[in-house]
Protein backbone atom coordinates (compact mmCIF):
# COMPACT_ATOMS: atom_id res chain seq x y z
CA UNK A 1 -35.97 2.34 45.62
CA UNK A 2 -39.64 3.15 45.79
CA UNK A 3 -40.88 5.60 43.16
CA UNK A 4 -41.57 8.32 45.72
CA UNK A 5 -38.03 8.24 47.17
CA UNK A 6 -36.49 8.11 43.71
CA UNK A 7 -38.48 11.18 42.63
CA UNK A 8 -37.42 13.06 45.76
CA UNK A 9 -33.73 12.22 45.26
CA UNK A 10 -33.90 13.20 41.60
CA UNK A 11 -35.55 16.52 42.54
CA UNK A 12 -32.70 17.26 44.98
CA UNK A 13 -30.18 16.20 42.32
CA UNK A 14 -28.81 13.46 44.55
CA UNK A 15 -29.68 10.69 42.10
CA UNK A 16 -28.62 10.33 38.51
CA UNK A 17 -30.10 7.56 36.43
CA UNK A 18 -27.72 6.07 33.89
CA UNK A 19 -28.46 3.43 31.29
CA UNK A 20 -25.58 1.05 30.62
CA UNK A 21 -25.42 -0.96 27.45
CA UNK A 22 -23.10 -3.88 27.07
CA UNK A 23 -22.41 -6.28 24.26
CA UNK A 24 -20.97 -9.75 24.33
CA UNK A 25 -18.80 -10.61 21.35
CA UNK A 26 -17.66 -14.22 21.13
CA UNK A 27 -13.91 -14.67 20.64
CA UNK A 28 -12.72 -15.65 17.17
CA UNK A 29 -11.61 -19.17 16.46
CA UNK A 30 -7.89 -18.24 16.48
CA UNK A 31 -8.12 -16.44 19.85
CA UNK A 32 -5.41 -17.18 22.38
CA UNK A 33 -4.39 -15.56 25.66
CA UNK A 34 -0.76 -16.62 25.24
CA UNK A 35 1.53 -14.30 23.32
CA UNK A 36 3.36 -16.17 20.57
CA UNK A 37 6.83 -14.82 19.87
CA UNK A 38 7.71 -15.12 16.20
CA UNK A 39 10.97 -16.78 15.26
CA UNK A 40 13.77 -14.50 14.08
CA UNK A 41 16.36 -16.94 12.75
CA UNK A 42 16.81 -20.53 11.66
CA UNK A 43 19.01 -22.96 13.56
CA UNK A 44 21.05 -25.71 11.87
CA UNK A 45 18.60 -28.33 13.15
CA UNK A 46 15.42 -26.84 11.69
CA UNK A 47 15.85 -27.19 7.88
CA UNK A 48 16.38 -30.99 7.82
CA UNK A 49 13.37 -31.68 10.03
CA UNK A 50 11.05 -29.31 8.16
CA UNK A 51 9.64 -27.88 11.40
CA UNK A 52 10.35 -24.35 10.13
CA UNK A 53 7.27 -24.57 7.89
CA UNK A 54 4.96 -24.50 10.92
CA UNK A 55 6.77 -21.64 12.73
CA UNK A 56 5.65 -18.01 12.48
CA UNK A 57 8.60 -15.81 11.43
CA UNK A 58 9.08 -12.14 12.15
CA UNK A 59 8.94 -10.06 8.94
CA UNK A 60 12.12 -8.24 7.95
CA UNK A 61 12.18 -4.45 7.85
CA UNK A 62 14.35 -3.41 4.91
CA UNK A 63 13.66 0.33 5.25
CA UNK A 64 14.76 1.36 8.76
CA UNK A 65 16.00 4.95 9.08
CA UNK A 66 19.50 4.02 10.37
CA UNK A 67 22.02 6.22 12.16
CA UNK A 68 23.21 9.51 10.69
CA UNK A 69 26.88 9.48 9.65
CA UNK A 70 29.33 10.90 12.21
CA UNK A 71 31.00 13.66 10.18
CA UNK A 72 31.52 17.40 10.15
CA UNK A 73 34.24 17.83 12.82
CA UNK A 74 37.05 20.35 12.59
CA UNK A 75 40.61 19.19 12.17
CA UNK A 76 42.63 19.62 15.43
CA UNK A 77 45.08 22.05 13.75
CA UNK A 78 42.22 24.25 12.60
CA UNK A 79 40.90 24.32 16.16
CA UNK A 80 44.33 25.46 17.46
CA UNK A 81 44.65 28.10 14.70
CA UNK A 82 41.24 29.62 15.55
CA UNK A 83 41.88 29.71 19.32
CA UNK A 84 44.25 32.80 19.55
CA UNK A 85 41.92 35.17 17.66
CA UNK A 86 39.05 34.04 19.89
CA UNK A 87 41.10 34.85 22.99
CA UNK A 88 41.80 38.44 21.84
CA UNK A 89 38.21 39.04 20.74
């Protein structure tokens, strides 16, 4: 735009000048667009051939939280014994 038109549009607040900065970072040498899935277990064929040395393996997690134990239920006879007083209350 010519300077005169730009000044007029800026005065009417119809033009906003923005400065964009961009950077180009070269990809690292080990960059790949394919997602490599790590191996989770060995097969009987891999140890004799030695191909397992070149495979990436998924690390084991030895500290997962786990499931809480299923306990704390009333015995069925205790449930029946507490039912009549509840009815009369």
